[in-house]
Protein backbone atom coordinates (compact mmCIF):
# COMPACT_ATOMS: atom_id res chain seq x y z
CA UNK A 1 0.00 0.00 0.00
CA UNK A 2 1.50 3.31 -1.10
CA UNK A 3 1.48 6.14 1.44
CA UNK A 4 1.59 9.63 -0.09
CA UNK A 5 1.02 12.91 1.79
CA UNK A 6 -0.07 10.97 4.89
CA UNK A 7 -2.82 9.08 3.02
CA UNK A 8 -2.90 5.36 2.24
CA UNK A 9 -3.59 5.00 -1.49
CA UNK A 10 -5.69 1.91 -2.38
CA UNK A 11 -3.50 -0.60 -4.19
CA UNK A 12 -5.94 -2.09 -6.69
CA UNK A 13 -7.04 1.21 -8.27
CA UNK A 14 -5.49 3.12 -11.15
CA UNK A 15 -2.91 5.73 -10.14
CA UNK A 16 -5.06 8.65 -11.39
CA UNK A 17 -7.99 7.47 -9.24
CA UNK A 18 -5.84 6.60 -6.23
CA UNK A 19 -4.22 10.05 -6.11
CA UNK A 20 -7.69 11.60 -5.78
CA UNK A 21 -7.95 10.09 -2.27
CA UNK A 22 -5.59 12.88 -1.21
CA UNK A 23 -7.46 16.00 -0.10
CA UNK A 24 -6.73 18.75 -2.61
CA UNK A 25 -6.07 16.54 -5.63
CA UNK A 26 -8.87 16.08 -8.14
CA UNK A 27 -9.01 14.48 -11.57
CA UNK A 28 -7.13 17.26 -13.36
CA UNK A 29 -4.28 17.53 -10.85
CA UNK A 30 -3.94 13.74 -10.70
CA UNK A 31 -3.50 13.63 -14.48
CA UNK A 32 -0.93 16.46 -14.32
CA UNK A 33 1.04 14.63 -11.64
CA UNK A 34 1.04 11.39 -13.67
CA UNK A 35 2.16 13.30 -16.76
CA UNK A 36 4.97 15.03 -14.82
CA UNK A 37 6.29 11.69 -13.53
CA UNK A 38 5.71 9.92 -16.90
CA UNK A 39 3.30 7.28 -15.55
CA UNK A 40 0.69 5.98 -18.03
CA UNK A 41 -2.87 6.63 -16.79
CA UNK A 42 -3.93 2.96 -16.98
CA UNK A 43 -1.17 1.88 -14.53
CA UNK A 44 -2.29 0.43 -11.17
CA UNK A 45 -0.94 1.60 -7.81
CA UNK A 46 0.38 -1.87 -6.92
CA UNK A 47 2.44 -1.86 -10.16
CA UNK A 48 4.36 1.29 -9.16
CA UNK A 49 8.01 0.98 -8.26
CA UNK A 50 9.44 2.59 -5.14
CA UNK A 51 11.23 5.22 -7.21
CA UNK A 52 7.97 6.19 -8.96
CA UNK A 53 6.20 6.54 -5.61
CA UNK A 54 9.04 8.76 -4.39
CA UNK A 55 8.82 10.87 -7.56
CA UNK A 56 5.05 11.29 -7.09
CA UNK A 57 5.58 12.24 -3.45
CA UNK A 58 8.23 14.83 -4.35
CA UNK A 59 6.08 16.31 -7.14
CA UNK A 60 3.11 16.71 -4.78
CA UNK A 61 5.27 18.24 -2.02
CA UNK A 62 6.90 20.66 -4.45
CA UNK A 63 3.98 21.80 -6.62
CA UNK A 64 0.70 21.30 -4.71
CA UNK A 65 -0.91 22.34 -1.44
CA UNK A 66 -2.64 19.26 -0.04
CA UNK A 67 -4.08 17.67 3.13
CA UNK A 68 -3.24 19.51 6.39
CA UNK A 69 -1.85 22.68 4.81
CA UNK A 70 -4.86 23.03 2.51
CA UNK A 71 -7.34 22.40 5.33
CA UNK A 72 -5.52 24.99 7.46
CA UNK A 73 -5.61 27.56 4.64
CA UNK A 74 -9.35 27.06 4.11
CA UNK A 75 -10.03 27.28 7.86
CA UNK A 76 -7.96 30.48 8.12
CA UNK A 77 -9.82 32.02 5.16
CA UNK A 78 -13.18 31.26 6.78
CA UNK A 79 -11.95 32.59 10.15
CA UNK A 80 -10.76 35.78 8.44
CA UNK A 81 -14.20 36.32 6.90
CA UNK A 82 -15.84 35.75 10.28
CA UNK A 83 -13.48 38.20 12.02
CA UNK A 84 -14.13 40.86 9.39
CA UNK A 85 -17.85 40.57 10.05
CA UNK A 86 -18.84 40.79 6.41
CA UNK A 87 -21.92 39.03 5.04
CA UNK A 88 -20.18 35.75 4.15
CA UNK A 89 -18.54 35.67 7.58
CA UNK A 90 -21.89 36.19 9.31
CA UNK A 91 -23.44 33.34 7.32
CA UNK A 92 -20.56 31.07 8.35
CA UNK A 93 -20.93 32.15 11.98
CA UNK A 94 -24.69 31.45 12.00
CA UNK A 95 -24.31 28.12 10.20
CA UNK A 96 -26.43 29.15 7.23
CA UNK A 97 -25.77 28.74 3.47
CA UNK A 98 -23.10 31.16 2.28
CA UNK A 99 -23.63 31.35 -1.49
CA UNK A 100 -27.13 32.80 -1.75
CA UNK A 101 -29.22 29.63 -1.57
CA UNK A 102 -32.78 29.82 -0.24
CA UNK A 103 -33.41 28.91 3.39
CA UNK A 104 -37.24 29.04 3.68
CA UNK A 105 -37.27 25.41 2.58
CA UNK A 106 -34.23 23.19 2.05
CA UNK A 107 -30.78 24.08 3.51
CA UNK A 108 -31.21 21.21 5.99
CA UNK A 109 -27.63 20.05 5.55
CA UNK A 110 -26.29 23.42 6.68
CA UNK A 111 -28.96 24.22 9.30
CA UNK A 112 -29.23 20.78 10.85
CA UNK A 113 -32.39 18.81 11.63
CA UNK A 114 -35.66 20.75 11.87
CA UNK A 115 -36.57 22.06 15.31
CA UNK A 116 -40.27 22.12 16.19
CA UNK A 117 -41.74 25.51 17.08
CA UNK A 118 -44.19 25.50 20.01
CA UNK A 119 -47.71 26.64 19.19
CA UNK A 120 -47.24 26.69 15.41
CA UNK A 121 -50.26 24.74 14.23
CA UNK A 122 -52.70 25.65 11.53
C-alpha atoms as a PDB file:
ATOM      1  CA  UNK A   1       0.000   0.000   0.000  1.00  0.00           C
ATOM      2  CA  UNK A   2       1.505   3.310  -1.099  1.00  0.00           C
ATOM      3  CA  UNK A   3       1.481   6.142   1.438  1.00  0.00           C
ATOM      4  CA  UNK A   4       1.592   9.627  -0.091  1.00  0.00           C
ATOM      5  CA  UNK A   5       1.021  12.907   1.788  1.00  0.00           C
ATOM      6  CA  UNK A   6      -0.066  10.969   4.890  1.00  0.00           C
ATOM      7  CA  UNK A   7      -2.822   9.078   3.024  1.00  0.00           C
ATOM      8  CA  UNK A   8      -2.904   5.364   2.240  1.00  0.00           C
ATOM      9  CA  UNK A   9      -3.587   5.000  -1.485  1.00  0.00           C
ATOM     10  CA  UNK A  10      -5.693   1.911  -2.379  1.00  0.00           C
ATOM     11  CA  UNK A  11      -3.496  -0.599  -4.194  1.00  0.00           C
ATOM     12  CA  UNK A  12      -5.939  -2.089  -6.692  1.00  0.00           C
ATOM     13  CA  UNK A  13      -7.044   1.207  -8.274  1.00  0.00           C
ATOM     14  CA  UNK A  14      -5.488   3.120 -11.155  1.00  0.00           C
ATOM     15  CA  UNK A  15      -2.912   5.727 -10.138  1.00  0.00           C
ATOM     16  CA  UNK A  16      -5.057   8.645 -11.393  1.00  0.00           C
ATOM     17  CA  UNK A  17      -7.995   7.474  -9.243  1.00  0.00           C
ATOM     18  CA  UNK A  18      -5.840   6.599  -6.230  1.00  0.00           C
ATOM     19  CA  UNK A  19      -4.223  10.048  -6.107  1.00  0.00           C
ATOM     20  CA  UNK A  20      -7.691  11.595  -5.777  1.00  0.00           C
ATOM     21  CA  UNK A  21      -7.952  10.085  -2.270  1.00  0.00           C
ATOM     22  CA  UNK A  22      -5.586  12.883  -1.214  1.00  0.00           C
ATOM     23  CA  UNK A  23      -7.462  16.003  -0.096  1.00  0.00           C
ATOM     24  CA  UNK A  24      -6.730  18.752  -2.608  1.00  0.00           C
ATOM     25  CA  UNK A  25      -6.072  16.537  -5.629  1.00  0.00           C
ATOM     26  CA  UNK A  26      -8.870  16.084  -8.142  1.00  0.00           C
ATOM     27  CA  UNK A  27      -9.013  14.477 -11.570  1.00  0.00           C
ATOM     28  CA  UNK A  28      -7.126  17.257 -13.362  1.00  0.00           C
ATOM     29  CA  UNK A  29      -4.276  17.534 -10.850  1.00  0.00           C
ATOM     30  CA  UNK A  30      -3.943  13.740 -10.697  1.00  0.00           C
ATOM     31  CA  UNK A  31      -3.503  13.632 -14.480  1.00  0.00           C
ATOM     32  CA  UNK A  32      -0.934  16.465 -14.321  1.00  0.00           C
ATOM     33  CA  UNK A  33       1.045  14.628 -11.636  1.00  0.00           C
ATOM     34  CA  UNK A  34       1.044  11.393 -13.665  1.00  0.00           C
ATOM     35  CA  UNK A  35       2.164  13.302 -16.760  1.00  0.00           C
ATOM     36  CA  UNK A  36       4.972  15.026 -14.824  1.00  0.00           C
ATOM     37  CA  UNK A  37       6.285  11.689 -13.531  1.00  0.00           C
ATOM     38  CA  UNK A  38       5.712   9.920 -16.898  1.00  0.00           C
ATOM     39  CA  UNK A  39       3.298   7.282 -15.554  1.00  0.00           C
ATOM     40  CA  UNK A  40       0.690   5.983 -18.032  1.00  0.00           C
ATOM     41  CA  UNK A  41      -2.870   6.627 -16.789  1.00  0.00           C
ATOM     42  CA  UNK A  42      -3.926   2.962 -16.982  1.00  0.00           C
ATOM     43  CA  UNK A  43      -1.165   1.882 -14.528  1.00  0.00           C
ATOM     44  CA  UNK A  44      -2.291   0.435 -11.174  1.00  0.00           C
ATOM     45  CA  UNK A  45      -0.938   1.601  -7.805  1.00  0.00           C
ATOM     46  CA  UNK A  46       0.381  -1.873  -6.925  1.00  0.00           C
ATOM     47  CA  UNK A  47       2.442  -1.861 -10.159  1.00  0.00           C
ATOM     48  CA  UNK A  48       4.357   1.286  -9.164  1.00  0.00           C
ATOM     49  CA  UNK A  49       8.009   0.978  -8.259  1.00  0.00           C
ATOM     50  CA  UNK A  50       9.442   2.588  -5.140  1.00  0.00           C
ATOM     51  CA  UNK A  51      11.228   5.221  -7.207  1.00  0.00           C
ATOM     52  CA  UNK A  52       7.975   6.188  -8.958  1.00  0.00           C
ATOM     53  CA  UNK A  53       6.201   6.536  -5.605  1.00  0.00           C
ATOM     54  CA  UNK A  54       9.044   8.756  -4.395  1.00  0.00           C
ATOM     55  CA  UNK A  55       8.819  10.871  -7.564  1.00  0.00           C
ATOM     56  CA  UNK A  56       5.051  11.288  -7.090  1.00  0.00           C
ATOM     57  CA  UNK A  57       5.575  12.237  -3.446  1.00  0.00           C
ATOM     58  CA  UNK A  58       8.233  14.828  -4.348  1.00  0.00           C
ATOM     59  CA  UNK A  59       6.075  16.310  -7.143  1.00  0.00           C
ATOM     60  CA  UNK A  60       3.109  16.710  -4.780  1.00  0.00           C
ATOM     61  CA  UNK A  61       5.271  18.236  -2.022  1.00  0.00           C
ATOM     62  CA  UNK A  62       6.896  20.659  -4.448  1.00  0.00           C
ATOM     63  CA  UNK A  63       3.976  21.797  -6.621  1.00  0.00           C
ATOM     64  CA  UNK A  64       0.701  21.298  -4.713  1.00  0.00           C
ATOM     65  CA  UNK A  65      -0.915  22.342  -1.441  1.00  0.00           C
ATOM     66  CA  UNK A  66      -2.640  19.256  -0.035  1.00  0.00           C
ATOM     67  CA  UNK A  67      -4.080  17.670   3.132  1.00  0.00           C
ATOM     68  CA  UNK A  68      -3.244  19.514   6.388  1.00  0.00           C
ATOM     69  CA  UNK A  69      -1.849  22.676   4.810  1.00  0.00           C
ATOM     70  CA  UNK A  70      -4.863  23.031   2.506  1.00  0.00           C
ATOM     71  CA  UNK A  71      -7.341  22.400   5.334  1.00  0.00           C
ATOM     72  CA  UNK A  72      -5.517  24.987   7.457  1.00  0.00           C
ATOM     73  CA  UNK A  73      -5.608  27.560   4.636  1.00  0.00           C
ATOM     74  CA  UNK A  74      -9.349  27.061   4.114  1.00  0.00           C
ATOM     75  CA  UNK A  75     -10.034  27.283   7.856  1.00  0.00           C
ATOM     76  CA  UNK A  76      -7.962  30.478   8.118  1.00  0.00           C
ATOM     77  CA  UNK A  77      -9.820  32.024   5.159  1.00  0.00           C
ATOM     78  CA  UNK A  78     -13.180  31.263   6.783  1.00  0.00           C
ATOM     79  CA  UNK A  79     -11.951  32.591  10.145  1.00  0.00           C
ATOM     80  CA  UNK A  80     -10.762  35.781   8.437  1.00  0.00           C
ATOM     81  CA  UNK A  81     -14.205  36.318   6.902  1.00  0.00           C
ATOM     82  CA  UNK A  82     -15.843  35.748  10.284  1.00  0.00           C
ATOM     83  CA  UNK A  83     -13.482  38.201  12.021  1.00  0.00           C
ATOM     84  CA  UNK A  84     -14.131  40.858   9.385  1.00  0.00           C
ATOM     85  CA  UNK A  85     -17.848  40.569  10.053  1.00  0.00           C
ATOM     86  CA  UNK A  86     -18.836  40.788   6.411  1.00  0.00           C
ATOM     87  CA  UNK A  87     -21.921  39.032   5.038  1.00  0.00           C
ATOM     88  CA  UNK A  88     -20.178  35.753   4.147  1.00  0.00           C
ATOM     89  CA  UNK A  89     -18.540  35.671   7.581  1.00  0.00           C
ATOM     90  CA  UNK A  90     -21.887  36.188   9.313  1.00  0.00           C
ATOM     91  CA  UNK A  91     -23.445  33.338   7.317  1.00  0.00           C
ATOM     92  CA  UNK A  92     -20.556  31.065   8.355  1.00  0.00           C
ATOM     93  CA  UNK A  93     -20.930  32.153  11.982  1.00  0.00           C
ATOM     94  CA  UNK A  94     -24.685  31.448  12.003  1.00  0.00           C
ATOM     95  CA  UNK A  95     -24.308  28.118  10.204  1.00  0.00           C
ATOM     96  CA  UNK A  96     -26.429  29.152   7.225  1.00  0.00           C
ATOM     97  CA  UNK A  97     -25.771  28.741   3.473  1.00  0.00           C
ATOM     98  CA  UNK A  98     -23.097  31.163   2.281  1.00  0.00           C
ATOM     99  CA  UNK A  99     -23.625  31.349  -1.485  1.00  0.00           C
ATOM    100  CA  UNK A 100     -27.129  32.796  -1.746  1.00  0.00           C
ATOM    101  CA  UNK A 101     -29.216  29.626  -1.565  1.00  0.00           C
ATOM    102  CA  UNK A 102     -32.778  29.820  -0.241  1.00  0.00           C
ATOM    103  CA  UNK A 103     -33.413  28.907   3.392  1.00  0.00           C
ATOM    104  CA  UNK A 104     -37.238  29.036   3.675  1.00  0.00           C
ATOM    105  CA  UNK A 105     -37.273  25.410   2.578  1.00  0.00           C
ATOM    106  CA  UNK A 106     -34.227  23.188   2.047  1.00  0.00           C
ATOM    107  CA  UNK A 107     -30.780  24.075   3.512  1.00  0.00           C
ATOM    108  CA  UNK A 108     -31.213  21.205   5.995  1.00  0.00           C
ATOM    109  CA  UNK A 109     -27.628  20.046   5.551  1.00  0.00           C
ATOM    110  CA  UNK A 110     -26.288  23.417   6.683  1.00  0.00           C
ATOM    111  CA  UNK A 111     -28.962  24.225   9.298  1.00  0.00           C
ATOM    112  CA  UNK A 112     -29.227  20.775  10.854  1.00  0.00           C
ATOM    113  CA  UNK A 113     -32.386  18.814  11.632  1.00  0.00           C
ATOM    114  CA  UNK A 114     -35.657  20.749  11.867  1.00  0.00           C
ATOM    115  CA  UNK A 115     -36.569  22.064  15.312  1.00  0.00           C
ATOM    116  CA  UNK A 116     -40.275  22.119  16.191  1.00  0.00           C
ATOM    117  CA  UNK A 117     -41.737  25.511  17.078  1.00  0.00           C
ATOM    118  CA  UNK A 118     -44.189  25.501  20.009  1.00  0.00           C
ATOM    119  CA  UNK A 119     -47.714  26.637  19.186  1.00  0.00           C
ATOM    120  CA  UNK A 120     -47.245  26.693  15.414  1.00  0.00           C
ATOM    121  CA  UNK A 121     -50.261  24.736  14.228  1.00  0.00           C
ATOM    122  CA  UNK A 122     -52.695  25.652  11.532  1.00  0.00           C
END
